[in-house]
């Protein structure tokens, strides 16, 4: 899969979530409509695995976490930026989501969870904060950030 094809898949998804509140209802909807058994989830997971292996995803490393912003916020992605991280039994840096965050959790090894959640989607509402943590193995996590906003704590 190319970066252009990856962008196209993400554009189809972000079109469906654009303008919706980032809340528990969206979390439930994403997991029902695009959960781990869905073509959307499986296609995005395969693209992320391929992109990481080919080096166009997760092309930086710090503190045992591989990461990278593949797409800046853009109209074609309905104002979302796209980041992907590769984490293995590690906690990342504490940060806040001024506009919220949508996470796609993709276990790669073991029974990896992200912030205690298994494979699927996690929606963090505007103003939420956390120290992103993968436990029980290795996972790729795709982040959709409205306007690309993320505030790292000092």
N, C-alpha and C. Protein backbone atom coordinates (compact mmCIF):
# COMPACT_ATOMS: atom_id res chain seq x y z
N UNK A 1 0.84 -1.18 0.00
CA UNK A 1 0.00 0.00 0.00
C UNK A 1 0.89 1.24 0.00
N UNK A 2 0.51 2.19 -0.81
CA UNK A 2 1.26 3.44 -0.89
C UNK A 2 0.72 4.45 0.12
N UNK A 3 1.48 5.52 0.32
CA UNK A 3 1.02 6.60 1.20
C UNK A 3 -0.26 7.22 0.64
N UNK A 4 -0.37 7.32 -0.68
CA UNK A 4 -1.57 7.89 -1.30
C UNK A 4 -2.79 7.01 -1.03
N UNK A 5 -2.63 5.70 -1.11
CA UNK A 5 -3.75 4.79 -0.82
C UNK A 5 -4.13 4.86 0.66
N UNK A 6 -3.14 4.97 1.52
CA UNK A 6 -3.37 5.11 2.95
C UNK A 6 -4.17 6.39 3.22
N UNK A 7 -3.76 7.47 2.59
CA UNK A 7 -4.47 8.75 2.72
C UNK A 7 -5.92 8.60 2.28
N UNK A 8 -6.14 7.91 1.18
CA UNK A 8 -7.50 7.73 0.65
C UNK A 8 -8.37 6.95 1.64
N UNK A 9 -7.83 5.89 2.23
CA UNK A 9 -8.58 5.11 3.24
C UNK A 9 -8.95 5.99 4.43
N UNK A 10 -7.98 6.79 4.87
CA UNK A 10 -8.23 7.66 6.02
C UNK A 10 -9.23 8.76 5.68
N UNK A 11 -9.19 9.26 4.45
CA UNK A 11 -10.15 10.29 4.04
C UNK A 11 -11.58 9.74 4.09
N UNK A 12 -11.76 8.49 3.68
CA UNK A 12 -13.11 7.90 3.73
C UNK A 12 -13.58 7.78 5.17
N UNK A 13 -12.68 7.45 6.09
CA UNK A 13 -13.05 7.34 7.49
C UNK A 13 -13.30 8.71 8.11
N UNK A 14 -12.39 9.65 7.89
CA UNK A 14 -12.55 10.96 8.52
C UNK A 14 -13.79 11.68 7.99
N UNK A 15 -14.21 11.39 6.78
CA UNK A 15 -15.46 11.96 6.26
C UNK A 15 -16.64 11.54 7.13
N UNK A 16 -16.57 10.33 7.67
CA UNK A 16 -17.67 9.80 8.49
C UNK A 16 -17.67 10.35 9.91
N UNK A 17 -16.53 10.80 10.40
CA UNK A 17 -16.47 11.31 11.78
C UNK A 17 -16.40 12.84 11.85
N UNK A 18 -16.17 13.47 10.70
CA UNK A 18 -16.07 14.93 10.67
C UNK A 18 -17.33 15.58 11.23
N UNK A 19 -17.13 16.54 12.11
CA UNK A 19 -18.24 17.29 12.67
C UNK A 19 -18.97 16.61 13.82
N UNK A 20 -18.63 15.37 14.12
CA UNK A 20 -19.26 14.67 15.22
C UNK A 20 -18.51 14.98 16.52
N UNK A 21 -19.23 15.05 17.63
CA UNK A 21 -18.54 15.25 18.91
C UNK A 21 -17.62 14.06 19.21
N UNK A 22 -16.44 14.34 19.74
CA UNK A 22 -15.54 13.28 20.18
C UNK A 22 -15.96 12.89 21.59
N UNK A 23 -16.77 11.85 21.68
CA UNK A 23 -17.38 11.46 22.95
C UNK A 23 -17.63 9.95 22.97
N UNK A 24 -18.27 9.48 24.02
CA UNK A 24 -18.54 8.05 24.19
C UNK A 24 -19.42 7.50 23.07
N UNK A 25 -20.34 8.30 22.56
CA UNK A 25 -21.20 7.84 21.47
C UNK A 25 -20.39 7.56 20.21
N UNK A 26 -19.40 8.40 19.92
CA UNK A 26 -18.54 8.16 18.76
C UNK A 26 -17.67 6.93 18.99
N UNK A 27 -17.17 6.75 20.21
CA UNK A 27 -16.39 5.57 20.56
C UNK A 27 -17.21 4.31 20.28
N UNK A 28 -18.45 4.29 20.76
CA UNK A 28 -19.33 3.13 20.55
C UNK A 28 -19.59 2.91 19.07
N UNK A 29 -19.88 3.99 18.34
CA UNK A 29 -20.18 3.88 16.91
C UNK A 29 -18.98 3.34 16.14
N UNK A 30 -17.79 3.89 16.39
CA UNK A 30 -16.60 3.43 15.68
C UNK A 30 -16.35 1.94 15.92
N UNK A 31 -16.50 1.50 17.16
CA UNK A 31 -16.26 0.09 17.46
C UNK A 31 -17.33 -0.82 16.86
N UNK A 32 -18.56 -0.32 16.73
CA UNK A 32 -19.63 -1.11 16.11
C UNK A 32 -19.48 -1.15 14.59
N UNK A 33 -19.18 -0.02 13.98
CA UNK A 33 -19.14 0.08 12.52
C UNK A 33 -17.77 -0.26 11.91
N UNK A 34 -16.71 0.01 12.64
CA UNK A 34 -15.35 -0.15 12.10
C UNK A 34 -14.45 -0.89 13.08
N UNK A 35 -15.02 -1.81 13.85
CA UNK A 35 -14.28 -2.56 14.86
C UNK A 35 -13.32 -3.57 14.28
N UNK A 36 -12.67 -4.35 15.14
CA UNK A 36 -11.58 -5.24 14.73
C UNK A 36 -11.92 -6.28 13.66
N UNK A 37 -13.19 -6.64 13.48
CA UNK A 37 -13.54 -7.62 12.45
C UNK A 37 -13.90 -6.95 11.13
N UNK A 38 -13.92 -5.62 11.10
CA UNK A 38 -14.38 -4.90 9.91
C UNK A 38 -13.29 -4.77 8.85
N UNK A 39 -13.72 -4.55 7.63
CA UNK A 39 -12.79 -4.31 6.52
C UNK A 39 -11.99 -3.03 6.77
N UNK A 40 -12.62 -2.02 7.35
CA UNK A 40 -11.92 -0.76 7.63
C UNK A 40 -10.75 -1.01 8.57
N UNK A 41 -11.03 -1.67 9.70
CA UNK A 41 -9.98 -1.94 10.70
C UNK A 41 -8.87 -2.78 10.08
N UNK A 42 -9.24 -3.88 9.43
CA UNK A 42 -8.23 -4.80 8.89
C UNK A 42 -7.39 -4.11 7.82
N UNK A 43 -8.01 -3.27 6.99
CA UNK A 43 -7.25 -2.56 5.96
C UNK A 43 -6.30 -1.54 6.55
N UNK A 44 -6.77 -0.79 7.55
CA UNK A 44 -5.90 0.19 8.20
C UNK A 44 -4.76 -0.49 8.95
N UNK A 45 -5.06 -1.60 9.61
CA UNK A 45 -4.01 -2.32 10.33
C UNK A 45 -2.95 -2.82 9.36
N UNK A 46 -3.38 -3.41 8.26
CA UNK A 46 -2.41 -3.91 7.28
C UNK A 46 -1.57 -2.77 6.71
N UNK A 47 -2.21 -1.64 6.44
CA UNK A 47 -1.47 -0.48 5.93
C UNK A 47 -0.44 0.00 6.94
N UNK A 48 -0.81 0.02 8.22
CA UNK A 48 0.13 0.46 9.26
C UNK A 48 1.28 -0.51 9.43
N UNK A 49 0.99 -1.80 9.41
CA UNK A 49 2.06 -2.80 9.52
C UNK A 49 3.01 -2.66 8.33
N UNK A 50 2.45 -2.53 7.13
CA UNK A 50 3.27 -2.38 5.93
C UNK A 50 4.07 -1.09 5.98
N UNK A 51 3.42 0.02 6.32
CA UNK A 51 4.10 1.31 6.36
C UNK A 51 5.24 1.34 7.37
N UNK A 52 5.03 0.71 8.52
CA UNK A 52 6.09 0.64 9.53
C UNK A 52 7.25 -0.20 9.02
N UNK A 53 6.93 -1.32 8.38
CA UNK A 53 7.99 -2.19 7.85
C UNK A 53 8.77 -1.52 6.72
N UNK A 54 8.09 -0.72 5.91
CA UNK A 54 8.73 -0.04 4.78
C UNK A 54 9.40 1.27 5.19
N UNK A 55 9.13 1.73 6.42
CA UNK A 55 9.81 2.91 6.93
C UNK A 55 9.12 4.24 6.67
N UNK A 56 7.94 4.24 6.07
CA UNK A 56 7.24 5.52 5.87
C UNK A 56 6.26 5.81 7.01
N UNK A 57 6.12 4.91 7.94
CA UNK A 57 5.41 5.14 9.20
C UNK A 57 6.37 4.86 10.35
N UNK A 58 6.15 5.54 11.46
CA UNK A 58 6.95 5.31 12.67
C UNK A 58 8.45 5.43 12.37
N UNK A 59 8.81 6.49 11.66
CA UNK A 59 10.19 6.62 11.20
C UNK A 59 11.10 7.39 12.15
N UNK A 60 10.60 7.67 13.36
CA UNK A 60 11.43 8.30 14.39
C UNK A 60 11.35 7.43 15.65
N UNK A 61 12.31 7.66 16.57
CA UNK A 61 12.32 6.87 17.81
C UNK A 61 12.79 7.74 18.96
N UNK A 62 12.13 7.55 20.11
CA UNK A 62 12.56 8.21 21.34
C UNK A 62 12.02 7.41 22.51
N UNK A 63 12.88 7.08 23.44
CA UNK A 63 12.47 6.38 24.65
C UNK A 63 11.82 5.03 24.40
N UNK A 64 12.24 4.35 23.35
CA UNK A 64 11.69 3.04 23.05
C UNK A 64 10.37 3.07 22.30
N UNK A 65 9.95 4.25 21.88
CA UNK A 65 8.71 4.40 21.13
C UNK A 65 9.05 4.87 19.72
N UNK A 66 8.58 4.15 18.73
CA UNK A 66 8.73 4.59 17.34
C UNK A 66 7.46 5.37 16.99
N UNK A 67 7.61 6.47 16.26
CA UNK A 67 6.46 7.33 16.00
C UNK A 67 6.68 8.17 14.75
N UNK A 68 5.64 8.83 14.32
CA UNK A 68 5.77 9.78 13.22
C UNK A 68 4.41 10.30 12.79
N UNK A 69 4.39 11.56 12.40
CA UNK A 69 3.18 12.18 11.83
C UNK A 69 3.26 11.98 10.33
N UNK A 70 2.36 11.18 9.82
CA UNK A 70 2.36 10.89 8.39
C UNK A 70 1.60 11.95 7.59
N UNK A 71 0.53 12.53 8.18
CA UNK A 71 -0.23 13.57 7.48
C UNK A 71 -0.55 14.71 8.45
N UNK A 72 -0.27 15.92 8.01
CA UNK A 72 -0.65 17.11 8.76
C UNK A 72 -2.15 17.34 8.57
N UNK A 73 -2.76 18.14 9.43
CA UNK A 73 -4.19 18.42 9.25
C UNK A 73 -4.42 19.05 7.87
N UNK A 74 -5.45 18.57 7.20
CA UNK A 74 -5.71 19.05 5.84
C UNK A 74 -7.20 18.90 5.53
N UNK A 75 -7.70 19.73 4.61
CA UNK A 75 -9.10 19.62 4.23
C UNK A 75 -9.48 18.21 3.73
N UNK A 76 -8.57 17.55 3.01
CA UNK A 76 -8.85 16.22 2.49
C UNK A 76 -9.03 15.17 3.58
N UNK A 77 -8.55 15.49 4.79
CA UNK A 77 -8.73 14.61 5.95
C UNK A 77 -9.67 15.27 6.96
N UNK A 78 -10.44 16.24 6.49
CA UNK A 78 -11.43 16.93 7.32
C UNK A 78 -10.81 17.57 8.56
N UNK A 79 -9.58 18.08 8.39
CA UNK A 79 -8.92 18.81 9.46
C UNK A 79 -8.18 17.95 10.46
N UNK A 80 -8.14 16.65 10.26
CA UNK A 80 -7.42 15.75 11.17
C UNK A 80 -5.97 15.61 10.71
N UNK A 81 -5.07 15.48 11.68
CA UNK A 81 -3.71 15.01 11.39
C UNK A 81 -3.70 13.52 11.69
N UNK A 82 -2.67 12.84 11.19
CA UNK A 82 -2.56 11.39 11.39
C UNK A 82 -1.15 11.07 11.87
N UNK A 83 -1.08 10.45 13.05
CA UNK A 83 0.18 9.98 13.61
C UNK A 83 0.04 8.47 13.85
N UNK A 84 1.15 7.76 13.77
CA UNK A 84 1.16 6.34 14.13
C UNK A 84 2.35 6.11 15.04
N UNK A 85 2.11 5.37 16.13
CA UNK A 85 3.18 5.00 17.06
C UNK A 85 3.27 3.48 17.15
N UNK A 86 4.46 3.01 17.45
CA UNK A 86 4.73 1.59 17.67
C UNK A 86 5.28 1.49 19.09
N UNK A 87 4.50 0.87 19.98
CA UNK A 87 4.86 0.81 21.40
C UNK A 87 4.86 -0.63 21.88
N UNK A 88 5.81 -0.97 22.74
CA UNK A 88 5.90 -2.32 23.30
C UNK A 88 6.10 -2.21 24.81
N UNK A 89 5.04 -2.51 25.56
CA UNK A 89 5.10 -2.49 27.03
C UNK A 89 5.79 -1.23 27.55
N UNK A 90 5.23 -0.09 27.20
CA UNK A 90 5.85 1.18 27.57
C UNK A 90 4.77 2.26 27.74
N UNK A 91 5.08 3.23 28.57
CA UNK A 91 4.23 4.41 28.72
C UNK A 91 4.90 5.58 28.02
N UNK A 92 4.13 6.30 27.24
CA UNK A 92 4.64 7.46 26.53
C UNK A 92 4.53 8.72 27.36
N UNK A 93 4.90 9.85 26.77
CA UNK A 93 4.88 11.11 27.49
C UNK A 93 3.45 11.62 27.73
N UNK A 94 3.24 12.18 28.90
CA UNK A 94 1.92 12.73 29.26
C UNK A 94 1.59 13.89 28.31
N UNK A 95 0.33 13.91 27.87
CA UNK A 95 -0.11 14.99 27.00
C UNK A 95 -1.62 15.18 27.12
N UNK A 96 -2.07 16.34 26.65
CA UNK A 96 -3.49 16.68 26.65
C UNK A 96 -3.98 16.81 25.22
N UNK A 97 -5.30 16.65 25.08
CA UNK A 97 -5.95 16.73 23.77
C UNK A 97 -6.93 17.91 23.79
N UNK A 98 -6.48 19.11 23.41
CA UNK A 98 -7.37 20.27 23.47
C UNK A 98 -8.66 20.07 22.67
N UNK A 99 -8.55 19.37 21.53
CA UNK A 99 -9.72 19.14 20.67
C UNK A 99 -10.17 17.69 20.67
N UNK A 100 -9.57 16.87 21.52
CA UNK A 100 -9.88 15.44 21.55
C UNK A 100 -8.90 14.64 20.70
N UNK A 101 -9.10 13.33 20.72
CA UNK A 101 -8.22 12.42 19.99
C UNK A 101 -9.00 11.15 19.70
N UNK A 102 -8.80 10.60 18.51
CA UNK A 102 -9.39 9.31 18.14
C UNK A 102 -8.23 8.35 17.91
N UNK A 103 -8.23 7.23 18.64
CA UNK A 103 -7.14 6.26 18.57
C UNK A 103 -7.63 4.95 17.98
N UNK A 104 -6.87 4.39 17.06
CA UNK A 104 -7.11 3.06 16.53
C UNK A 104 -6.04 2.15 17.12
N UNK A 105 -6.45 1.19 17.93
CA UNK A 105 -5.54 0.31 18.66
C UNK A 105 -5.39 -1.00 17.89
N UNK A 106 -4.14 -1.31 17.52
CA UNK A 106 -3.86 -2.49 16.69
C UNK A 106 -2.79 -3.35 17.34
N UNK A 107 -3.18 -4.32 18.18
CA UNK A 107 -2.18 -5.21 18.78
C UNK A 107 -1.40 -5.97 17.69
N UNK A 108 -0.10 -6.06 17.89
CA UNK A 108 0.78 -6.75 16.95
C UNK A 108 1.37 -8.01 17.58
N UNK A 109 1.72 -7.92 18.86
CA UNK A 109 2.30 -9.06 19.58
C UNK A 109 1.61 -9.17 20.93
N UNK A 110 1.35 -10.41 21.33
CA UNK A 110 0.72 -10.65 22.63
C UNK A 110 -0.71 -10.15 22.65
N UNK A 111 -1.20 -9.89 23.84
CA UNK A 111 -2.56 -9.37 24.05
C UNK A 111 -2.47 -7.89 24.40
N UNK A 112 -1.74 -7.16 23.61
CA UNK A 112 -1.46 -5.76 23.89
C UNK A 112 -2.74 -4.94 24.05
N UNK A 113 -2.71 -4.08 25.06
CA UNK A 113 -3.78 -3.11 25.27
C UNK A 113 -3.18 -1.72 25.23
N UNK A 114 -4.03 -0.75 24.95
CA UNK A 114 -3.62 0.66 24.97
C UNK A 114 -4.51 1.36 25.98
N UNK A 115 -3.91 1.90 27.02
CA UNK A 115 -4.67 2.52 28.12
C UNK A 115 -5.76 1.57 28.63
N UNK A 116 -5.43 0.27 28.67
CA UNK A 116 -6.34 -0.73 29.18
C UNK A 116 -7.37 -1.22 28.18
N UNK A 117 -7.35 -0.72 26.96
CA UNK A 117 -8.34 -1.10 25.94
C UNK A 117 -7.71 -2.05 24.94
N UNK A 118 -8.46 -3.09 24.53
CA UNK A 118 -7.95 -4.03 23.52
C UNK A 118 -8.11 -3.45 22.11
N UNK A 119 -7.92 -4.28 21.11
CA UNK A 119 -8.06 -3.89 19.71
C UNK A 119 -9.36 -3.15 19.48
N UNK A 120 -9.28 -2.09 18.70
CA UNK A 120 -10.47 -1.31 18.38
C UNK A 120 -10.18 0.17 18.50
N UNK A 121 -11.22 0.93 18.81
CA UNK A 121 -11.15 2.38 18.86
C UNK A 121 -11.29 2.91 20.27
N UNK A 122 -10.62 4.02 20.52
CA UNK A 122 -10.74 4.74 21.78
C UNK A 122 -10.87 6.22 21.43
N UNK A 123 -11.96 6.85 21.89
CA UNK A 123 -12.16 8.27 21.64
C UNK A 123 -11.93 9.02 22.95
N UNK A 124 -11.00 9.96 22.91
CA UNK A 124 -10.69 10.81 24.06
C UNK A 124 -11.33 12.17 23.80
N UNK A 125 -12.18 12.65 24.70
CA UNK A 125 -12.89 13.91 24.46
C UNK A 125 -11.98 15.13 24.56
N UNK A 126 -12.43 16.26 24.03
CA UNK A 126 -11.67 17.49 24.17
C UNK A 126 -11.36 17.78 25.64
N UNK A 127 -10.12 18.23 25.89
CA UNK A 127 -9.69 18.55 27.24
C UNK A 127 -9.16 17.38 28.04
N UNK A 128 -9.24 16.16 27.48
CA UNK A 128 -8.74 14.99 28.20
C UNK A 128 -7.21 14.96 28.13
N UNK A 129 -6.62 14.17 29.01
CA UNK A 129 -5.16 14.02 29.05
C UNK A 129 -4.84 12.61 29.52
N UNK A 130 -3.67 12.14 29.13
CA UNK A 130 -3.23 10.81 29.59
C UNK A 130 -1.74 10.63 29.33
N UNK A 131 -1.24 9.56 29.90
CA UNK A 131 0.10 9.07 29.58
C UNK A 131 -0.14 7.78 28.81
N UNK A 132 -0.09 7.83 27.48
CA UNK A 132 -0.46 6.66 26.67
C UNK A 132 0.41 5.46 27.02
N UNK A 133 -0.27 4.35 27.30
CA UNK A 133 0.43 3.17 27.80
C UNK A 133 0.00 1.92 27.06
N UNK A 134 0.98 1.21 26.53
CA UNK A 134 0.75 -0.12 25.95
C UNK A 134 1.29 -1.14 26.93
N UNK A 135 0.44 -2.11 27.25
CA UNK A 135 0.81 -3.19 28.18
C UNK A 135 0.43 -4.53 27.56
N UNK A 136 1.15 -5.57 27.95
CA UNK A 136 0.81 -6.93 27.50
C UNK A 136 1.29 -7.27 26.12
N UNK A 137 2.23 -6.48 25.58
CA UNK A 137 2.75 -6.79 24.25
C UNK A 137 3.07 -5.55 23.46
N UNK A 138 2.96 -5.69 22.17
CA UNK A 138 3.30 -4.60 21.24
C UNK A 138 2.06 -4.21 20.46
N UNK A 139 1.88 -2.91 20.24
CA UNK A 139 0.76 -2.42 19.45
C UNK A 139 1.17 -1.24 18.60
N UNK A 140 0.53 -1.13 17.47
CA UNK A 140 0.56 0.09 16.68
C UNK A 140 -0.69 0.86 17.06
N UNK A 141 -0.57 2.16 17.21
CA UNK A 141 -1.72 3.00 17.53
C UNK A 141 -1.72 4.16 16.55
N UNK A 142 -2.85 4.32 15.85
CA UNK A 142 -3.03 5.42 14.93
C UNK A 142 -3.83 6.50 15.65
N UNK A 143 -3.34 7.74 15.60
CA UNK A 143 -4.00 8.87 16.27
C UNK A 143 -4.57 9.81 15.22
N UNK A 144 -5.83 10.14 15.34
CA UNK A 144 -6.45 11.21 14.56
C UNK A 144 -6.64 12.39 15.50
N UNK A 145 -6.00 13.51 15.20
CA UNK A 145 -6.06 14.69 16.05
C UNK A 145 -6.73 15.84 15.29
N UNK A 146 -7.88 16.32 15.78
CA UNK A 146 -8.50 17.48 15.13
C UNK A 146 -7.54 18.66 15.15
N UNK A 147 -7.32 19.24 13.97
CA UNK A 147 -6.40 20.36 13.80
C UNK A 147 -4.96 20.03 14.20
N UNK A 148 -4.68 18.76 14.41
CA UNK A 148 -3.32 18.34 14.78
C UNK A 148 -2.92 18.74 16.19
N UNK A 149 -3.88 19.13 17.00
CA UNK A 149 -3.58 19.69 18.33
C UNK A 149 -3.26 18.61 19.35
N UNK A 150 -2.11 18.77 19.98
CA UNK A 150 -1.69 17.93 21.09
C UNK A 150 -0.75 18.79 21.94
N UNK A 151 -0.94 18.76 23.25
CA UNK A 151 -0.12 19.57 24.15
C UNK A 151 0.62 18.64 25.10
N UNK A 152 1.95 18.52 24.89
CA UNK A 152 2.76 17.68 25.75
C UNK A 152 3.05 18.40 27.06
N UNK A 153 2.94 17.66 28.16
CA UNK A 153 3.22 18.22 29.50
C UNK A 153 4.72 18.34 29.68
N UNK A 154 5.11 19.28 30.53
CA UNK A 154 6.54 19.45 30.80
C UNK A 154 6.92 18.71 32.05
